[in-house]
N, C-alpha and C. Protein backbone atom coordinates (compact mmCIF):
# COMPACT_ATOMS: atom_id res chain seq x y z
N UNK A 1 141.62 -166.08 94.05
CA UNK A 1 141.09 -167.06 93.14
C UNK A 1 139.56 -166.94 93.09
N UNK A 2 138.99 -167.01 91.90
CA UNK A 2 137.55 -166.89 91.70
C UNK A 2 136.83 -168.15 92.18
N UNK A 3 135.74 -167.95 92.91
CA UNK A 3 134.89 -169.07 93.33
C UNK A 3 133.89 -169.36 92.22
N UNK A 4 133.65 -170.63 91.95
CA UNK A 4 132.73 -171.03 90.90
C UNK A 4 131.39 -171.41 91.51
N UNK A 5 130.34 -170.94 90.89
CA UNK A 5 128.98 -171.26 91.32
C UNK A 5 128.55 -172.57 90.63
N UNK A 6 128.02 -173.52 91.39
CA UNK A 6 127.53 -174.75 90.76
C UNK A 6 126.49 -174.43 89.69
N UNK A 7 126.59 -175.14 88.56
CA UNK A 7 125.66 -174.86 87.46
C UNK A 7 124.65 -175.96 87.21
N UNK A 8 124.88 -177.16 87.77
CA UNK A 8 123.96 -178.27 87.52
C UNK A 8 124.14 -179.35 88.57
N UNK A 9 123.14 -180.23 88.63
CA UNK A 9 123.21 -181.43 89.46
C UNK A 9 123.05 -182.63 88.54
N UNK A 10 123.98 -183.58 88.65
CA UNK A 10 123.94 -184.78 87.82
C UNK A 10 123.78 -185.98 88.75
N UNK A 11 122.72 -186.75 88.51
CA UNK A 11 122.42 -187.93 89.33
C UNK A 11 122.42 -189.16 88.44
N UNK A 12 123.16 -190.19 88.88
CA UNK A 12 123.20 -191.48 88.20
C UNK A 12 122.61 -192.52 89.16
N UNK A 13 121.71 -193.34 88.65
CA UNK A 13 121.11 -194.37 89.50
C UNK A 13 121.13 -195.71 88.77
N UNK A 14 121.61 -196.75 89.44
CA UNK A 14 121.49 -198.12 88.97
C UNK A 14 120.42 -198.79 89.82
N UNK A 15 119.41 -199.34 89.18
CA UNK A 15 118.29 -199.99 89.89
C UNK A 15 118.27 -201.47 89.62
N UNK A 16 118.12 -202.23 90.69
CA UNK A 16 118.08 -203.69 90.62
C UNK A 16 116.71 -204.16 91.10
N UNK A 17 116.10 -205.06 90.34
CA UNK A 17 114.74 -205.52 90.62
C UNK A 17 114.70 -207.03 90.74
N UNK A 18 113.58 -207.51 91.27
CA UNK A 18 113.28 -208.93 91.28
C UNK A 18 111.93 -209.09 90.58
N UNK A 19 111.91 -209.82 89.50
CA UNK A 19 110.67 -210.10 88.77
C UNK A 19 109.92 -208.85 88.34
N UNK A 20 110.63 -207.88 87.74
CA UNK A 20 109.97 -206.66 87.26
C UNK A 20 110.19 -206.46 85.76
N UNK A 21 110.48 -207.55 85.05
CA UNK A 21 110.74 -207.44 83.61
C UNK A 21 109.56 -206.83 82.87
N UNK A 22 108.34 -207.11 83.33
CA UNK A 22 107.16 -206.53 82.68
C UNK A 22 107.17 -205.01 82.74
N UNK A 23 107.45 -204.46 83.90
CA UNK A 23 107.54 -203.01 84.05
C UNK A 23 108.68 -202.45 83.21
N UNK A 24 109.81 -203.13 83.23
CA UNK A 24 111.00 -202.62 82.54
C UNK A 24 110.88 -202.69 81.02
N UNK A 25 109.85 -203.35 80.52
CA UNK A 25 109.63 -203.39 79.07
C UNK A 25 108.32 -202.67 78.70
N UNK A 26 107.79 -201.87 79.64
CA UNK A 26 106.55 -201.12 79.41
C UNK A 26 106.90 -199.64 79.17
N UNK A 27 107.19 -199.31 77.93
CA UNK A 27 107.63 -197.97 77.58
C UNK A 27 106.64 -196.88 77.91
N UNK A 28 105.36 -197.15 77.71
CA UNK A 28 104.33 -196.14 77.98
C UNK A 28 104.30 -195.79 79.46
N UNK A 29 104.32 -196.82 80.31
CA UNK A 29 104.29 -196.58 81.76
C UNK A 29 105.57 -195.87 82.24
N UNK A 30 106.72 -196.31 81.74
CA UNK A 30 107.98 -195.69 82.14
C UNK A 30 108.08 -194.25 81.67
N UNK A 31 107.62 -193.98 80.46
CA UNK A 31 107.62 -192.61 79.95
C UNK A 31 106.73 -191.72 80.82
N UNK A 32 105.57 -192.23 81.23
CA UNK A 32 104.69 -191.45 82.10
C UNK A 32 105.37 -191.15 83.43
N UNK A 33 106.06 -192.13 84.00
CA UNK A 33 106.77 -191.92 85.27
C UNK A 33 107.81 -190.81 85.12
N UNK A 34 108.61 -190.86 84.05
CA UNK A 34 109.64 -189.84 83.85
C UNK A 34 109.03 -188.46 83.65
N UNK A 35 107.98 -188.38 82.83
CA UNK A 35 107.34 -187.08 82.60
C UNK A 35 106.68 -186.55 83.87
N UNK A 36 106.02 -187.42 84.62
CA UNK A 36 105.41 -186.99 85.89
C UNK A 36 106.48 -186.52 86.88
N UNK A 37 107.65 -187.17 86.88
CA UNK A 37 108.75 -186.76 87.76
C UNK A 37 109.22 -185.36 87.39
N UNK A 38 109.32 -185.09 86.10
CA UNK A 38 109.74 -183.75 85.66
C UNK A 38 108.72 -182.70 86.09
N UNK A 39 107.44 -183.01 85.91
CA UNK A 39 106.39 -182.07 86.30
C UNK A 39 106.40 -181.84 87.81
N UNK A 40 106.62 -182.90 88.58
CA UNK A 40 106.65 -182.78 90.05
C UNK A 40 107.77 -181.88 90.51
N UNK A 41 108.86 -181.82 89.75
CA UNK A 41 110.01 -180.99 90.10
C UNK A 41 109.97 -179.64 89.38
N UNK A 42 108.87 -179.36 88.69
CA UNK A 42 108.69 -178.10 87.97
C UNK A 42 109.78 -177.90 86.91
N UNK A 43 110.13 -179.01 86.24
CA UNK A 43 111.11 -178.99 85.16
C UNK A 43 110.33 -178.98 83.84
N UNK A 44 110.76 -178.16 82.89
CA UNK A 44 110.02 -177.94 81.64
C UNK A 44 110.38 -178.97 80.58
N UNK A 45 109.41 -179.80 80.21
CA UNK A 45 109.61 -180.82 79.18
C UNK A 45 109.57 -180.16 77.80
N UNK A 46 110.60 -180.46 76.99
CA UNK A 46 110.68 -179.93 75.62
C UNK A 46 110.27 -180.99 74.60
N UNK A 47 110.84 -182.20 74.70
CA UNK A 47 110.43 -183.31 73.84
C UNK A 47 110.91 -184.62 74.45
N UNK A 48 110.44 -185.73 73.86
CA UNK A 48 110.78 -187.05 74.39
C UNK A 48 111.19 -187.99 73.26
N UNK A 49 112.00 -188.96 73.62
CA UNK A 49 112.40 -190.03 72.71
C UNK A 49 112.09 -191.34 73.44
N UNK A 50 111.39 -192.22 72.76
CA UNK A 50 111.07 -193.54 73.30
C UNK A 50 111.50 -194.56 72.26
N UNK A 51 112.50 -195.38 72.58
CA UNK A 51 113.06 -196.35 71.64
C UNK A 51 112.94 -197.74 72.23
N UNK A 52 112.28 -198.64 71.47
CA UNK A 52 112.14 -200.04 71.88
C UNK A 52 113.19 -200.88 71.16
N UNK A 53 113.76 -201.85 71.87
CA UNK A 53 114.75 -202.76 71.28
C UNK A 53 114.16 -204.15 71.20
N UNK A 54 114.65 -204.93 70.25
CA UNK A 54 114.17 -206.29 70.06
C UNK A 54 115.21 -207.26 70.59
N UNK A 55 114.89 -208.23 71.40
CA UNK A 55 113.53 -208.58 71.79
C UNK A 55 113.00 -207.80 72.99
N UNK A 56 113.89 -207.24 73.81
CA UNK A 56 113.44 -206.47 74.97
C UNK A 56 114.40 -205.31 75.21
N UNK A 57 113.94 -204.34 75.97
CA UNK A 57 114.76 -203.20 76.35
C UNK A 57 114.21 -201.90 75.79
N UNK A 58 114.44 -200.85 76.53
CA UNK A 58 113.89 -199.54 76.18
C UNK A 58 114.91 -198.47 76.53
N UNK A 59 114.97 -197.44 75.70
CA UNK A 59 115.67 -196.21 76.04
C UNK A 59 114.63 -195.09 76.00
N UNK A 60 114.61 -194.29 77.05
CA UNK A 60 113.72 -193.12 77.10
C UNK A 60 114.58 -191.92 77.43
N UNK A 61 114.42 -190.87 76.65
CA UNK A 61 115.09 -189.62 76.97
C UNK A 61 114.04 -188.52 76.96
N UNK A 62 113.93 -187.84 78.08
CA UNK A 62 113.06 -186.67 78.20
C UNK A 62 113.98 -185.45 78.19
N UNK A 63 113.91 -184.70 77.11
CA UNK A 63 114.71 -183.48 77.00
C UNK A 63 113.93 -182.35 77.66
N UNK A 64 114.58 -181.70 78.58
CA UNK A 64 113.94 -180.62 79.34
C UNK A 64 114.73 -179.33 79.12
N UNK A 65 114.10 -178.22 79.37
CA UNK A 65 114.78 -176.93 79.22
C UNK A 65 116.06 -176.90 80.04
N UNK A 66 116.05 -177.58 81.17
CA UNK A 66 117.17 -177.59 82.10
C UNK A 66 118.21 -178.66 81.76
N UNK A 67 117.97 -179.57 80.85
CA UNK A 67 118.88 -180.58 80.29
C UNK A 67 118.15 -181.86 79.95
N UNK A 68 118.28 -182.96 80.77
CA UNK A 68 117.64 -184.22 80.37
C UNK A 68 117.40 -185.16 81.57
N UNK A 69 116.46 -186.10 81.33
CA UNK A 69 116.20 -187.22 82.23
C UNK A 69 116.13 -188.44 81.32
N UNK A 70 116.99 -189.42 81.55
CA UNK A 70 117.05 -190.60 80.69
C UNK A 70 116.95 -191.88 81.50
N UNK A 71 116.41 -192.92 80.85
CA UNK A 71 116.28 -194.23 81.49
C UNK A 71 116.58 -195.29 80.44
N UNK A 72 117.37 -196.28 80.83
CA UNK A 72 117.77 -197.37 79.95
C UNK A 72 117.45 -198.67 80.66
N UNK A 73 116.65 -199.54 80.02
CA UNK A 73 116.24 -200.78 80.70
C UNK A 73 116.89 -202.01 80.10
N UNK A 74 117.10 -202.99 80.96
CA UNK A 74 117.59 -204.31 80.60
C UNK A 74 116.67 -205.32 81.30
N UNK A 75 115.45 -205.52 80.75
CA UNK A 75 114.47 -206.39 81.43
C UNK A 75 114.98 -207.80 81.69
N UNK A 76 115.78 -208.32 80.77
CA UNK A 76 116.29 -209.68 80.93
C UNK A 76 117.23 -209.80 82.13
N UNK A 77 117.74 -208.67 82.60
CA UNK A 77 118.62 -208.63 83.76
C UNK A 77 117.93 -208.04 85.00
N UNK A 78 116.64 -207.65 84.86
CA UNK A 78 115.91 -206.97 85.94
C UNK A 78 116.69 -205.76 86.43
N UNK A 79 117.12 -204.93 85.49
CA UNK A 79 118.02 -203.81 85.78
C UNK A 79 117.66 -202.61 84.90
N UNK A 80 117.83 -201.41 85.47
CA UNK A 80 117.76 -200.20 84.65
C UNK A 80 118.73 -199.16 85.19
N UNK A 81 119.11 -198.25 84.30
CA UNK A 81 119.98 -197.13 84.66
C UNK A 81 119.20 -195.84 84.42
N UNK A 82 119.40 -194.88 85.30
CA UNK A 82 118.74 -193.57 85.18
C UNK A 82 119.82 -192.50 85.20
N UNK A 83 119.69 -191.53 84.32
CA UNK A 83 120.64 -190.43 84.20
C UNK A 83 119.85 -189.12 84.23
N UNK A 84 120.11 -188.29 85.21
CA UNK A 84 119.39 -187.03 85.39
C UNK A 84 120.41 -185.90 85.45
N UNK A 85 120.27 -184.93 84.56
CA UNK A 85 121.11 -183.73 84.61
C UNK A 85 120.18 -182.53 84.56
N UNK A 86 120.19 -181.76 85.64
CA UNK A 86 119.33 -180.58 85.75
C UNK A 86 120.21 -179.36 86.02
N UNK A 87 120.19 -178.40 85.11
CA UNK A 87 120.95 -177.17 85.26
C UNK A 87 120.11 -176.12 85.98
N UNK A 88 120.79 -175.20 86.62
CA UNK A 88 120.11 -174.09 87.28
C UNK A 88 119.64 -174.44 88.67
N UNK A 89 118.58 -173.76 89.06
CA UNK A 89 118.09 -173.82 90.45
C UNK A 89 117.11 -174.96 90.73
N UNK A 90 116.61 -175.64 89.71
CA UNK A 90 115.63 -176.72 89.94
C UNK A 90 116.30 -177.87 90.68
N UNK A 91 115.50 -178.63 91.42
CA UNK A 91 116.02 -179.68 92.31
C UNK A 91 115.97 -181.05 91.62
N UNK A 92 117.12 -181.52 91.17
CA UNK A 92 117.21 -182.83 90.51
C UNK A 92 116.83 -183.97 91.45
N UNK A 93 117.02 -183.78 92.74
CA UNK A 93 116.67 -184.81 93.72
C UNK A 93 115.17 -185.07 93.73
N UNK A 94 114.37 -184.05 93.48
CA UNK A 94 112.92 -184.26 93.40
C UNK A 94 112.57 -185.19 92.24
N UNK A 95 113.31 -185.07 91.14
CA UNK A 95 113.09 -185.95 89.98
C UNK A 95 113.47 -187.38 90.36
N UNK A 96 114.65 -187.57 90.92
CA UNK A 96 115.11 -188.93 91.26
C UNK A 96 114.23 -189.57 92.34
N UNK A 97 113.84 -188.80 93.35
CA UNK A 97 112.99 -189.35 94.41
C UNK A 97 111.65 -189.83 93.85
N UNK A 98 111.07 -189.04 92.95
CA UNK A 98 109.78 -189.42 92.36
C UNK A 98 109.92 -190.71 91.56
N UNK A 99 110.95 -190.78 90.71
CA UNK A 99 111.15 -191.98 89.89
C UNK A 99 111.34 -193.21 90.76
N UNK A 100 112.18 -193.11 91.77
CA UNK A 100 112.42 -194.25 92.66
C UNK A 100 111.16 -194.66 93.41
N UNK A 101 110.33 -193.70 93.78
CA UNK A 101 109.09 -194.04 94.50
C UNK A 101 108.11 -194.81 93.61
N UNK A 102 108.18 -194.60 92.32
CA UNK A 102 107.29 -195.30 91.39
C UNK A 102 107.87 -196.62 90.90
N UNK A 103 109.18 -196.67 90.67
CA UNK A 103 109.79 -197.91 90.20
C UNK A 103 109.93 -198.95 91.30
N UNK A 104 110.15 -198.49 92.54
CA UNK A 104 110.30 -199.38 93.70
C UNK A 104 111.34 -200.49 93.47
N UNK A 105 112.59 -200.12 93.16
CA UNK A 105 113.60 -201.17 92.99
C UNK A 105 113.88 -201.88 94.31
N UNK A 106 114.28 -203.13 94.18
CA UNK A 106 114.64 -203.89 95.38
C UNK A 106 115.90 -203.28 96.01
N UNK A 107 116.80 -202.81 95.14
CA UNK A 107 118.05 -202.21 95.59
C UNK A 107 118.47 -201.19 94.54
N UNK A 108 119.17 -200.13 94.97
CA UNK A 108 119.70 -199.18 94.00
C UNK A 108 120.95 -198.51 94.55
N UNK A 109 121.76 -198.02 93.63
CA UNK A 109 122.89 -197.18 93.99
C UNK A 109 122.69 -195.83 93.32
N UNK A 110 123.02 -194.77 94.02
CA UNK A 110 122.81 -193.42 93.52
C UNK A 110 124.09 -192.61 93.71
N UNK A 111 124.49 -191.94 92.66
CA UNK A 111 125.65 -191.05 92.74
C UNK A 111 125.19 -189.66 92.30
N UNK A 112 125.50 -188.67 93.12
CA UNK A 112 125.09 -187.30 92.85
C UNK A 112 126.32 -186.41 92.76
N UNK A 113 126.44 -185.72 91.62
CA UNK A 113 127.56 -184.81 91.41
C UNK A 113 127.03 -183.39 91.23
N UNK A 114 127.70 -182.45 91.85
CA UNK A 114 127.40 -181.03 91.63
C UNK A 114 128.37 -180.57 90.54
N UNK A 115 127.84 -180.17 89.40
CA UNK A 115 128.65 -179.79 88.25
C UNK A 115 129.02 -178.32 88.35
N UNK A 116 130.30 -178.03 88.18
CA UNK A 116 130.77 -176.64 88.23
C UNK A 116 131.14 -176.18 89.61
N UNK A 117 131.08 -177.08 90.59
CA UNK A 117 131.43 -176.71 91.96
C UNK A 117 132.94 -176.90 92.14
N UNK A 118 133.56 -175.90 92.70
CA UNK A 118 134.99 -175.99 92.96
C UNK A 118 135.23 -176.99 94.08
N UNK A 119 136.21 -177.90 93.87
CA UNK A 119 136.46 -178.90 94.91
C UNK A 119 137.44 -178.42 95.95
């Protein structure tokens, strides 16, 4: 039987905050954090999408050569979700660690999947 080589790392993070609605509705600051995280992990940024919702909430997607880094905020709930998919040899954990160090959630859950790995 052929062994499969992992092709990507997919990380999902749910972040819970206390009194951080201001940060979670600051698209410029959040976009900078995501882009800086990509640069810190040597991931190549191709383009970005920043979408504001009324009255609150933001979706940010940073499209990278290796796939994407996305963040979805719910300021009214002091909550955000992060979705990171990095293909190839780059380290997706460096992206997630950087983002978490800047957001400083009170609590978070993280799920990491190796895509293409034989179970």
